[in-house]
C-alpha cells in the first residue's frame, strides 16, 4: 500500500503534463459559442455617443452586421482598429461597436483620437449584452445576418488575413442567400 502512495505524485505530474501538452495545440479563436444560429438577444442599452438614445436588437437588423466588441483597456483592440477603419468602408456590411465594460469618457476619447469606424456603438458598461452573447473578452467580432441570426463568433483581433479567411467567405454566402430570397 505504501508503495502505491509513493507513485501518486508521479501519476498526477504525468496527467498534468499530458493536459498541458494537449493545450498547446488548441486554437483560442475556435472557442465554441452557444449563440451561433440563434437570434441576437433582446437588449436595451444606451448609445456610447448619445447616452439618452437607447439601442436594441432592431437597430442591428436588415443588413449584414459585424458587431465588434472593444474596450479602451484592450491592447489588441488598438491593433485591430486600423483594419476596422478599412472594413467600415465596405458597403456590403454595417460595422457596429459594443463598448464592453469600459468607461464612457475614455471610450469617447478613444474614438476621437483613433477615428470612429462604427455606424453606432452600444455602451455595455456592466457587460450584460456581452454576457448574453457569450463574450469572453475583447476583441471579439460577431457576424449577424440580415435576419438577425448570429452566424459567426471570432475571438481575437481582425487583420487582413483574418478578414479574407474568416469573414469574406461567410459574407459572400450571406449575400448569395439574400439574393436568393432566403430568410
N, C-alpha and C. Protein backbone atom coordinates (compact mmCIF):
# COMPACT_ATOMS: atom_id res chain seq x y z
N UNK A 1 0.82 -1.19 0.00
CA UNK A 1 0.00 0.00 0.00
C UNK A 1 0.86 1.26 0.00
N UNK A 2 1.97 1.23 0.82
CA UNK A 2 2.84 2.39 0.88
C UNK A 2 3.53 2.65 -0.45
N UNK A 3 3.82 1.60 -1.20
CA UNK A 3 4.49 1.80 -2.49
C UNK A 3 3.56 2.46 -3.51
N UNK A 4 2.28 2.19 -3.44
CA UNK A 4 1.31 2.83 -4.34
C UNK A 4 1.20 4.31 -4.02
N UNK A 5 1.17 4.65 -2.75
CA UNK A 5 1.06 6.05 -2.32
C UNK A 5 2.26 6.85 -2.80
N UNK A 6 3.43 6.24 -2.85
CA UNK A 6 4.63 6.93 -3.33
C UNK A 6 4.52 7.34 -4.80
N UNK A 7 3.75 6.59 -5.60
CA UNK A 7 3.64 6.88 -7.02
C UNK A 7 2.52 7.88 -7.37
N UNK A 8 1.68 8.22 -6.42
CA UNK A 8 0.58 9.15 -6.68
C UNK A 8 1.10 10.50 -7.19
N UNK A 9 2.10 11.12 -6.56
CA UNK A 9 2.59 12.40 -7.11
C UNK A 9 3.12 12.27 -8.54
N UNK A 10 3.79 11.17 -8.84
CA UNK A 10 4.30 10.95 -10.20
C UNK A 10 3.16 10.83 -11.20
N UNK A 11 2.14 10.08 -10.83
CA UNK A 11 0.97 9.90 -11.71
C UNK A 11 0.27 11.24 -11.93
N UNK A 12 0.09 12.02 -10.88
CA UNK A 12 -0.54 13.33 -11.01
C UNK A 12 0.31 14.26 -11.89
N UNK A 13 1.61 14.20 -11.74
CA UNK A 13 2.51 15.02 -12.55
C UNK A 13 2.40 14.64 -14.03
N UNK A 14 2.34 13.36 -14.32
CA UNK A 14 2.22 12.90 -15.71
C UNK A 14 0.88 13.33 -16.30
N UNK A 15 -0.21 13.20 -15.54
CA UNK A 15 -1.53 13.63 -16.02
C UNK A 15 -1.56 15.13 -16.29
N UNK A 16 -0.99 15.90 -15.41
CA UNK A 16 -0.93 17.35 -15.60
C UNK A 16 -0.11 17.70 -16.84
N UNK A 17 1.01 17.01 -17.02
CA UNK A 17 1.83 17.23 -18.21
C UNK A 17 1.10 16.92 -19.50
N UNK A 18 0.33 15.84 -19.52
CA UNK A 18 -0.45 15.48 -20.70
C UNK A 18 -1.50 16.55 -21.00
N UNK A 19 -2.19 17.04 -19.98
CA UNK A 19 -3.20 18.09 -20.17
C UNK A 19 -2.56 19.38 -20.70
N UNK A 20 -1.45 19.78 -20.14
CA UNK A 20 -0.79 20.99 -20.61
C UNK A 20 -0.27 20.84 -22.03
N UNK A 21 0.27 19.68 -22.35
CA UNK A 21 0.77 19.42 -23.71
C UNK A 21 -0.38 19.49 -24.71
N UNK A 22 -1.53 18.93 -24.36
CA UNK A 22 -2.71 18.98 -25.25
C UNK A 22 -3.15 20.42 -25.46
N UNK A 23 -3.07 21.24 -24.43
CA UNK A 23 -3.48 22.63 -24.52
C UNK A 23 -2.65 23.45 -25.49
N UNK A 24 -1.41 23.01 -25.75
CA UNK A 24 -0.56 23.73 -26.70
C UNK A 24 -1.13 23.73 -28.11
N UNK A 25 -1.97 22.76 -28.43
CA UNK A 25 -2.48 22.61 -29.78
C UNK A 25 -3.92 23.10 -29.96
N UNK A 26 -4.48 23.73 -28.93
CA UNK A 26 -5.83 24.27 -29.05
C UNK A 26 -5.78 25.65 -29.69
N UNK A 27 -6.79 25.96 -30.48
CA UNK A 27 -6.88 27.26 -31.14
C UNK A 27 -7.80 28.17 -30.34
N UNK A 28 -7.30 29.28 -29.76
CA UNK A 28 -8.15 30.14 -28.94
C UNK A 28 -9.24 30.84 -29.74
N UNK A 29 -9.07 31.00 -31.06
CA UNK A 29 -10.09 31.63 -31.87
C UNK A 29 -11.28 30.70 -32.14
N UNK A 30 -11.11 29.42 -31.91
CA UNK A 30 -12.18 28.48 -32.23
C UNK A 30 -13.02 28.13 -31.01
N UNK A 31 -13.09 29.04 -30.04
CA UNK A 31 -13.92 28.79 -28.87
C UNK A 31 -15.38 28.68 -29.32
N UNK A 32 -16.08 27.65 -28.90
CA UNK A 32 -17.46 27.47 -29.35
C UNK A 32 -18.38 28.54 -28.76
N UNK A 33 -19.45 28.80 -29.45
CA UNK A 33 -20.44 29.75 -28.97
C UNK A 33 -21.81 29.11 -29.07
N UNK A 34 -22.54 29.14 -27.98
CA UNK A 34 -23.89 28.59 -27.97
C UNK A 34 -24.86 29.46 -28.75
N UNK A 35 -24.44 30.67 -29.13
CA UNK A 35 -25.34 31.60 -29.81
C UNK A 35 -25.33 31.45 -31.33
N UNK A 36 -24.40 30.68 -31.89
CA UNK A 36 -24.36 30.51 -33.34
C UNK A 36 -25.67 29.87 -33.80
N UNK A 37 -26.30 30.50 -34.80
CA UNK A 37 -27.56 30.00 -35.32
C UNK A 37 -28.78 30.50 -34.56
N UNK A 38 -28.57 31.33 -33.56
CA UNK A 38 -29.67 31.87 -32.77
C UNK A 38 -29.76 33.37 -32.98
N UNK A 39 -30.94 33.95 -32.73
CA UNK A 39 -31.07 35.39 -32.91
C UNK A 39 -30.29 36.15 -31.83
N UNK A 40 -29.85 37.33 -32.21
CA UNK A 40 -29.25 38.23 -31.24
C UNK A 40 -30.27 38.47 -30.14
N UNK A 41 -29.88 38.34 -28.86
CA UNK A 41 -30.87 38.52 -27.78
C UNK A 41 -31.42 39.95 -27.75
N UNK A 42 -32.61 40.07 -27.21
CA UNK A 42 -33.19 41.39 -26.97
C UNK A 42 -32.31 42.13 -25.96
N UNK A 43 -32.17 43.43 -26.16
CA UNK A 43 -31.43 44.25 -25.21
C UNK A 43 -31.90 45.68 -25.34
N UNK A 44 -31.62 46.46 -24.31
CA UNK A 44 -31.89 47.89 -24.31
C UNK A 44 -30.73 48.55 -23.59
N UNK A 45 -29.80 49.09 -24.37
CA UNK A 45 -28.61 49.73 -23.82
C UNK A 45 -28.41 51.08 -24.49
N UNK A 46 -27.75 52.00 -23.80
CA UNK A 46 -27.56 53.33 -24.38
C UNK A 46 -26.50 53.33 -25.46
N UNK A 47 -26.63 54.30 -26.35
CA UNK A 47 -25.59 54.57 -27.33
C UNK A 47 -24.38 55.14 -26.60
N UNK A 48 -23.20 54.82 -27.06
CA UNK A 48 -22.00 55.37 -26.44
C UNK A 48 -21.93 56.88 -26.63
N UNK A 49 -22.26 57.34 -27.83
CA UNK A 49 -22.11 58.75 -28.15
C UNK A 49 -23.29 59.61 -27.69
N UNK A 50 -24.45 59.01 -27.49
CA UNK A 50 -25.63 59.76 -27.05
C UNK A 50 -26.33 58.94 -25.97
N UNK A 51 -25.98 59.18 -24.71
CA UNK A 51 -26.46 58.33 -23.61
C UNK A 51 -27.98 58.31 -23.47
N UNK A 52 -28.66 59.32 -23.98
CA UNK A 52 -30.12 59.33 -23.90
C UNK A 52 -30.77 58.45 -24.97
N UNK A 53 -30.01 58.05 -25.99
CA UNK A 53 -30.54 57.22 -27.06
C UNK A 53 -30.38 55.74 -26.69
N UNK A 54 -31.52 55.05 -26.55
CA UNK A 54 -31.49 53.63 -26.22
C UNK A 54 -31.47 52.82 -27.52
N UNK A 55 -30.64 51.81 -27.54
CA UNK A 55 -30.50 50.94 -28.71
C UNK A 55 -30.96 49.54 -28.35
N UNK A 56 -31.45 48.82 -29.36
CA UNK A 56 -31.91 47.46 -29.15
C UNK A 56 -31.61 46.59 -30.35
N UNK A 57 -32.07 45.36 -30.27
CA UNK A 57 -31.81 44.38 -31.32
C UNK A 57 -32.30 44.87 -32.69
N UNK A 58 -33.42 45.55 -32.73
CA UNK A 58 -33.98 46.01 -34.01
C UNK A 58 -33.06 47.00 -34.72
N UNK A 59 -32.22 47.69 -33.97
CA UNK A 59 -31.29 48.65 -34.58
C UNK A 59 -30.17 47.95 -35.37
N UNK A 60 -30.02 46.65 -35.18
CA UNK A 60 -28.95 45.91 -35.84
C UNK A 60 -29.48 44.91 -36.86
N UNK A 61 -30.69 45.09 -37.36
CA UNK A 61 -31.25 44.12 -38.30
C UNK A 61 -31.45 44.73 -39.67
N UNK A 62 -31.52 43.85 -40.66
CA UNK A 62 -31.81 44.26 -42.02
C UNK A 62 -30.61 44.25 -42.94
N UNK A 63 -29.43 44.25 -42.38
CA UNK A 63 -28.19 44.23 -43.15
C UNK A 63 -27.28 43.14 -42.60
N UNK A 64 -26.19 42.91 -43.31
CA UNK A 64 -25.14 42.05 -42.75
C UNK A 64 -24.38 42.92 -41.76
N UNK A 65 -24.35 42.48 -40.52
CA UNK A 65 -23.79 43.28 -39.43
C UNK A 65 -22.57 42.58 -38.85
N UNK A 66 -21.53 43.37 -38.64
CA UNK A 66 -20.40 42.94 -37.82
C UNK A 66 -20.53 43.67 -36.50
N UNK A 67 -20.64 42.94 -35.41
CA UNK A 67 -20.70 43.52 -34.08
C UNK A 67 -19.34 43.29 -33.44
N UNK A 68 -18.57 44.37 -33.33
CA UNK A 68 -17.21 44.29 -32.81
C UNK A 68 -17.20 44.70 -31.35
N UNK A 69 -16.77 43.77 -30.49
CA UNK A 69 -16.65 44.01 -29.06
C UNK A 69 -15.28 44.61 -28.80
N UNK A 70 -15.26 45.81 -28.19
CA UNK A 70 -14.00 46.51 -27.98
C UNK A 70 -14.03 47.26 -26.65
N UNK A 71 -12.85 47.68 -26.22
CA UNK A 71 -12.72 48.47 -24.99
C UNK A 71 -11.39 49.21 -25.03
N UNK A 72 -11.32 50.29 -24.29
CA UNK A 72 -10.07 51.06 -24.25
C UNK A 72 -8.98 50.33 -23.49
N UNK A 73 -9.34 49.43 -22.59
CA UNK A 73 -8.35 48.68 -21.82
C UNK A 73 -7.78 47.50 -22.62
N UNK A 74 -8.29 47.27 -23.81
CA UNK A 74 -7.91 46.12 -24.64
C UNK A 74 -6.76 46.49 -25.57
N UNK A 75 -5.61 45.91 -25.36
CA UNK A 75 -4.43 46.20 -26.18
C UNK A 75 -4.64 45.74 -27.62
N UNK A 76 -5.22 44.56 -27.82
CA UNK A 76 -5.44 44.03 -29.16
C UNK A 76 -6.47 44.86 -29.94
N UNK A 77 -7.36 45.54 -29.22
CA UNK A 77 -8.34 46.40 -29.90
C UNK A 77 -7.64 47.56 -30.61
N UNK A 78 -6.59 48.06 -30.00
CA UNK A 78 -5.82 49.14 -30.63
C UNK A 78 -5.13 48.62 -31.89
N UNK A 79 -4.64 47.38 -31.85
CA UNK A 79 -4.00 46.76 -33.01
C UNK A 79 -4.99 46.60 -34.17
N UNK A 80 -6.22 46.16 -33.87
CA UNK A 80 -7.17 45.87 -34.94
C UNK A 80 -7.89 47.12 -35.45
N UNK A 81 -7.81 48.22 -34.74
CA UNK A 81 -8.58 49.41 -35.10
C UNK A 81 -8.33 49.91 -36.53
N UNK A 82 -7.09 49.99 -37.02
CA UNK A 82 -6.90 50.41 -38.42
C UNK A 82 -7.58 49.48 -39.43
N UNK A 83 -7.64 48.21 -39.13
CA UNK A 83 -8.32 47.26 -40.02
C UNK A 83 -9.83 47.51 -40.00
N UNK A 84 -10.35 47.85 -38.83
CA UNK A 84 -11.78 48.15 -38.73
C UNK A 84 -12.13 49.40 -39.53
N UNK A 85 -11.24 50.37 -39.54
CA UNK A 85 -11.48 51.58 -40.34
C UNK A 85 -11.60 51.22 -41.82
N UNK A 86 -10.79 50.28 -42.30
CA UNK A 86 -10.88 49.81 -43.69
C UNK A 86 -12.16 49.01 -43.93
N UNK A 87 -12.49 48.12 -43.00
CA UNK A 87 -13.68 47.29 -43.14
C UNK A 87 -14.94 48.15 -43.19
N UNK A 88 -14.94 49.23 -42.42
CA UNK A 88 -16.11 50.11 -42.38
C UNK A 88 -16.42 50.73 -43.74
N UNK A 89 -15.44 50.74 -44.64
CA UNK A 89 -15.65 51.29 -45.98
C UNK A 89 -16.37 50.32 -46.92
N UNK A 90 -16.47 49.06 -46.52
CA UNK A 90 -17.12 48.03 -47.35
C UNK A 90 -18.63 48.23 -47.31
N UNK A 91 -19.25 48.54 -48.45
CA UNK A 91 -20.70 48.83 -48.46
C UNK A 91 -21.57 47.60 -48.21
N UNK A 92 -20.98 46.40 -48.22
CA UNK A 92 -21.77 45.18 -48.03
C UNK A 92 -22.16 44.95 -46.57
N UNK A 93 -21.43 45.57 -45.67
CA UNK A 93 -21.66 45.29 -44.25
C UNK A 93 -21.85 46.60 -43.48
N UNK A 94 -22.44 46.47 -42.30
CA UNK A 94 -22.55 47.56 -41.34
C UNK A 94 -21.73 47.15 -40.12
N UNK A 95 -20.82 48.01 -39.72
CA UNK A 95 -19.95 47.73 -38.57
C UNK A 95 -20.49 48.47 -37.35
N UNK A 96 -20.87 47.71 -36.33
CA UNK A 96 -21.36 48.28 -35.08
C UNK A 96 -20.37 47.92 -33.98
N UNK A 97 -20.26 48.80 -33.00
CA UNK A 97 -19.37 48.55 -31.88
C UNK A 97 -20.16 48.20 -30.63
N UNK A 98 -19.57 47.35 -29.81
CA UNK A 98 -20.10 47.06 -28.48
C UNK A 98 -18.97 47.39 -27.51
N UNK A 99 -19.07 48.58 -26.91
CA UNK A 99 -18.06 49.02 -25.94
C UNK A 99 -18.33 48.27 -24.64
N UNK A 100 -17.43 47.37 -24.31
CA UNK A 100 -17.64 46.34 -23.29
C UNK A 100 -16.92 46.69 -21.98
N UNK A 101 -17.70 46.81 -20.92
CA UNK A 101 -17.21 47.07 -19.56
C UNK A 101 -16.11 48.14 -19.55
N UNK A 102 -16.46 49.30 -20.00
CA UNK A 102 -15.49 50.38 -20.19
C UNK A 102 -16.00 51.66 -19.54
N UNK A 103 -15.16 52.67 -19.55
CA UNK A 103 -15.50 53.99 -19.08
C UNK A 103 -15.95 54.82 -20.28
N UNK A 104 -17.13 55.44 -20.19
CA UNK A 104 -17.69 56.18 -21.32
C UNK A 104 -16.75 57.28 -21.81
N UNK A 105 -16.22 58.08 -20.90
CA UNK A 105 -15.36 59.19 -21.33
C UNK A 105 -14.08 58.70 -22.00
N UNK A 106 -13.51 57.64 -21.46
CA UNK A 106 -12.31 57.07 -22.08
C UNK A 106 -12.62 56.53 -23.47
N UNK A 107 -13.78 55.89 -23.62
CA UNK A 107 -14.18 55.34 -24.92
C UNK A 107 -14.44 56.44 -25.95
N UNK A 108 -15.09 57.51 -25.52
CA UNK A 108 -15.33 58.63 -26.43
C UNK A 108 -14.01 59.28 -26.87
N UNK A 109 -13.09 59.41 -25.93
CA UNK A 109 -11.77 59.96 -26.26
C UNK A 109 -11.03 59.05 -27.24
N UNK A 110 -11.14 57.74 -27.05
CA UNK A 110 -10.52 56.75 -27.93
C UNK A 110 -11.02 56.93 -29.37
N UNK A 111 -12.35 57.02 -29.53
CA UNK A 111 -12.93 57.16 -30.86
C UNK A 111 -12.55 58.50 -31.50
N UNK A 112 -12.40 59.52 -30.68
CA UNK A 112 -11.97 60.82 -31.20
C UNK A 112 -10.51 60.76 -31.66
N UNK A 113 -9.68 60.10 -30.87
CA UNK A 113 -8.25 60.02 -31.17
C UNK A 113 -7.95 59.10 -32.35
N UNK A 114 -8.59 57.94 -32.40
CA UNK A 114 -8.27 56.94 -33.43
C UNK A 114 -9.27 56.89 -34.58
N UNK A 115 -10.29 57.69 -34.55
CA UNK A 115 -11.39 57.75 -35.53
C UNK A 115 -12.41 56.66 -35.23
N UNK A 116 -13.64 56.97 -35.56
CA UNK A 116 -14.76 56.09 -35.24
C UNK A 116 -15.20 55.32 -36.48
N UNK A 117 -14.95 54.00 -36.53
CA UNK A 117 -15.35 53.21 -37.70
C UNK A 117 -16.79 52.72 -37.64
N UNK A 118 -17.46 52.93 -36.52
CA UNK A 118 -18.75 52.29 -36.28
C UNK A 118 -19.93 53.14 -36.76
N UNK A 119 -20.95 52.45 -37.28
CA UNK A 119 -22.22 53.10 -37.58
C UNK A 119 -22.78 53.66 -36.27
N UNK A 120 -22.70 52.84 -35.23
CA UNK A 120 -23.02 53.27 -33.88
C UNK A 120 -22.34 52.33 -32.91
N UNK A 121 -22.16 52.81 -31.69
CA UNK A 121 -21.56 52.00 -30.64
C UNK A 121 -22.54 51.86 -29.48
N UNK A 122 -22.70 50.63 -29.04
CA UNK A 122 -23.55 50.33 -27.89
C UNK A 122 -22.66 50.39 -26.66
N UNK A 123 -23.13 51.08 -25.62
CA UNK A 123 -22.36 51.20 -24.38
C UNK A 123 -22.84 50.14 -23.40
N UNK A 124 -22.05 49.10 -23.23
CA UNK A 124 -22.38 47.96 -22.36
C UNK A 124 -21.51 48.04 -21.11
N UNK A 125 -21.80 49.04 -20.28
CA UNK A 125 -20.95 49.34 -19.12
C UNK A 125 -20.83 48.16 -18.16
N UNK A 126 -21.94 47.46 -17.92
CA UNK A 126 -21.94 46.34 -16.99
C UNK A 126 -21.61 45.00 -17.65
N UNK A 127 -21.56 44.97 -18.98
CA UNK A 127 -21.24 43.74 -19.69
C UNK A 127 -22.44 42.81 -19.87
N UNK A 128 -23.65 43.32 -19.70
CA UNK A 128 -24.85 42.47 -19.77
C UNK A 128 -25.04 41.84 -21.14
N UNK A 129 -25.01 42.65 -22.20
CA UNK A 129 -25.17 42.09 -23.54
C UNK A 129 -24.00 41.18 -23.89
N UNK A 130 -22.81 41.60 -23.51
CA UNK A 130 -21.64 40.76 -23.74
C UNK A 130 -21.79 39.38 -23.14
N UNK A 131 -22.29 39.33 -21.91
CA UNK A 131 -22.51 38.03 -21.27
C UNK A 131 -23.60 37.24 -21.98
N UNK A 132 -24.66 37.93 -22.41
CA UNK A 132 -25.75 37.25 -23.11
C UNK A 132 -25.31 36.60 -24.41
N UNK A 133 -24.34 37.20 -25.09
CA UNK A 133 -23.90 36.61 -26.37
C UNK A 133 -22.62 35.78 -26.21
N UNK A 134 -22.14 35.65 -24.98
CA UNK A 134 -21.02 34.75 -24.71
C UNK A 134 -19.65 35.35 -24.92
N UNK A 135 -19.51 36.65 -24.67
CA UNK A 135 -18.21 37.30 -24.82
C UNK A 135 -17.29 36.85 -23.69
N UNK A 136 -16.07 36.45 -24.06
CA UNK A 136 -15.05 36.08 -23.08
C UNK A 136 -14.15 37.26 -22.78
N UNK A 137 -13.99 38.15 -23.74
CA UNK A 137 -13.12 39.31 -23.60
C UNK A 137 -13.15 40.10 -24.88
N UNK A 138 -12.25 41.03 -24.98
CA UNK A 138 -12.19 41.86 -26.19
C UNK A 138 -10.80 41.69 -26.81
N UNK A 139 -10.69 41.79 -28.11
CA UNK A 139 -11.76 41.97 -29.08
C UNK A 139 -12.40 40.65 -29.48
N UNK A 140 -13.66 40.75 -29.79
CA UNK A 140 -14.41 39.66 -30.40
C UNK A 140 -15.31 40.29 -31.44
N UNK A 141 -15.59 39.55 -32.50
CA UNK A 141 -16.45 40.07 -33.55
C UNK A 141 -17.48 39.01 -33.93
N UNK A 142 -18.73 39.45 -34.02
CA UNK A 142 -19.84 38.58 -34.37
C UNK A 142 -20.36 38.99 -35.74
N UNK A 143 -20.70 38.00 -36.56
CA UNK A 143 -21.37 38.25 -37.83
C UNK A 143 -22.85 37.94 -37.61
N UNK A 144 -23.68 38.93 -37.88
CA UNK A 144 -25.13 38.78 -37.72
C UNK A 144 -25.74 38.99 -39.10
N UNK A 145 -26.53 38.01 -39.54
CA UNK A 145 -27.08 38.12 -40.90
C UNK A 145 -28.26 39.08 -40.95
N UNK A 146 -28.80 39.26 -42.13
CA UNK A 146 -29.87 40.22 -42.37
C UNK A 146 -31.16 39.90 -41.62
N UNK A 147 -31.29 38.68 -41.12
CA UNK A 147 -32.49 38.30 -40.36
C UNK A 147 -32.26 38.40 -38.85
N UNK A 148 -31.06 38.81 -38.44
CA UNK A 148 -30.77 38.96 -37.02
C UNK A 148 -30.19 37.72 -36.36
N UNK A 149 -29.79 36.74 -37.16
CA UNK A 149 -29.22 35.49 -36.64
C UNK A 149 -27.70 35.62 -36.54
N UNK A 150 -27.15 35.22 -35.40
CA UNK A 150 -25.69 35.23 -35.22
C UNK A 150 -25.12 34.06 -36.01
N UNK A 151 -24.25 34.36 -36.96
CA UNK A 151 -23.70 33.33 -37.84
C UNK A 151 -22.26 32.97 -37.49
N UNK A 152 -21.55 33.87 -36.81
CA UNK A 152 -20.14 33.59 -36.51
C UNK A 152 -19.71 34.40 -35.30
N UNK A 153 -18.81 33.82 -34.55
CA UNK A 153 -18.13 34.50 -33.45
C UNK A 153 -16.63 34.30 -33.67
N UNK A 154 -15.91 35.40 -33.69
CA UNK A 154 -14.46 35.31 -33.83
C UNK A 154 -13.82 36.01 -32.65
N UNK A 155 -13.00 35.28 -31.90
CA UNK A 155 -12.29 35.83 -30.76
C UNK A 155 -10.88 36.22 -31.20
N UNK A 156 -10.52 37.46 -30.94
CA UNK A 156 -9.19 37.93 -31.29
C UNK A 156 -9.27 39.09 -32.27
N UNK A 157 -8.14 39.68 -32.55
CA UNK A 157 -8.11 40.84 -33.43
C UNK A 157 -8.26 40.46 -34.90
N UNK A 158 -8.89 41.34 -35.66
CA UNK A 158 -9.04 41.16 -37.10
C UNK A 158 -7.88 41.85 -37.79
N UNK A 159 -7.32 41.19 -38.80
CA UNK A 159 -6.34 41.82 -39.69
C UNK A 159 -6.71 41.39 -41.11
N UNK A 160 -5.91 41.78 -42.08
CA UNK A 160 -6.25 41.46 -43.48
C UNK A 160 -6.40 39.96 -43.72
N UNK A 161 -5.47 39.18 -43.20
CA UNK A 161 -5.52 37.73 -43.41
C UNK A 161 -6.77 37.12 -42.77
N UNK A 162 -7.05 37.51 -41.54
CA UNK A 162 -8.24 37.00 -40.84
C UNK A 162 -9.50 37.43 -41.58
N UNK A 163 -9.54 38.67 -42.05
CA UNK A 163 -10.70 39.17 -42.77
C UNK A 163 -10.99 38.32 -44.00
N UNK A 164 -9.93 38.08 -44.78
CA UNK A 164 -10.11 37.32 -46.03
C UNK A 164 -10.44 35.85 -45.78
N UNK A 165 -9.87 35.27 -44.75
CA UNK A 165 -10.07 33.84 -44.49
C UNK A 165 -11.33 33.55 -43.69
N UNK A 166 -11.59 34.34 -42.67
CA UNK A 166 -12.67 34.03 -41.73
C UNK A 166 -14.00 34.73 -42.03
N UNK A 167 -13.94 35.93 -42.61
CA UNK A 167 -15.15 36.72 -42.74
C UNK A 167 -15.69 36.82 -44.17
N UNK A 168 -14.84 37.09 -45.13
CA UNK A 168 -15.31 37.28 -46.51
C UNK A 168 -16.10 36.10 -47.06
N UNK A 169 -15.66 34.86 -46.88
CA UNK A 169 -16.47 33.74 -47.41
C UNK A 169 -17.88 33.71 -46.81
N UNK A 170 -18.00 33.99 -45.52
CA UNK A 170 -19.32 33.98 -44.89
C UNK A 170 -20.16 35.15 -45.39
N UNK A 171 -19.56 36.31 -45.55
CA UNK A 171 -20.31 37.47 -46.06
C UNK A 171 -20.81 37.18 -47.47
N UNK A 172 -19.97 36.58 -48.29
CA UNK A 172 -20.39 36.23 -49.66
C UNK A 172 -21.51 35.19 -49.64
N UNK A 173 -21.45 34.25 -48.71
CA UNK A 173 -22.50 33.24 -48.58
C UNK A 173 -23.82 33.91 -48.17
N UNK A 174 -23.78 34.82 -47.22
CA UNK A 174 -25.00 35.51 -46.79
C UNK A 174 -25.55 36.37 -47.93
N UNK A 175 -24.68 37.02 -48.69
CA UNK A 175 -25.13 37.80 -49.85
C UNK A 175 -25.87 36.91 -50.86
N UNK A 176 -25.33 35.71 -51.08
CA UNK A 176 -25.98 34.77 -52.00
C UNK A 176 -27.35 34.38 -51.47
N UNK A 177 -27.43 34.11 -50.17
CA UNK A 177 -28.71 33.76 -49.55
C UNK A 177 -29.71 34.91 -49.68
N UNK A 178 -29.22 36.14 -49.50
CA UNK A 178 -30.10 37.31 -49.62
C UNK A 178 -30.61 37.46 -51.06
N UNK A 179 -29.72 37.22 -52.03
CA UNK A 179 -30.11 37.33 -53.44
C UNK A 179 -31.12 36.27 -53.82
N UNK A 180 -31.04 35.12 -53.19
CA UNK A 180 -31.98 34.02 -53.46
C UNK A 180 -33.27 34.16 -52.67
N UNK A 181 -33.33 35.17 -51.83
CA UNK A 181 -34.55 35.42 -51.05
C UNK A 181 -34.68 34.56 -49.83
N UNK A 182 -33.56 33.97 -49.37
CA UNK A 182 -33.63 33.14 -48.15
C UNK A 182 -33.80 34.05 -46.95
N UNK A 183 -34.66 33.63 -46.05
CA UNK A 183 -34.87 34.44 -44.85
C UNK A 183 -34.33 33.76 -43.63
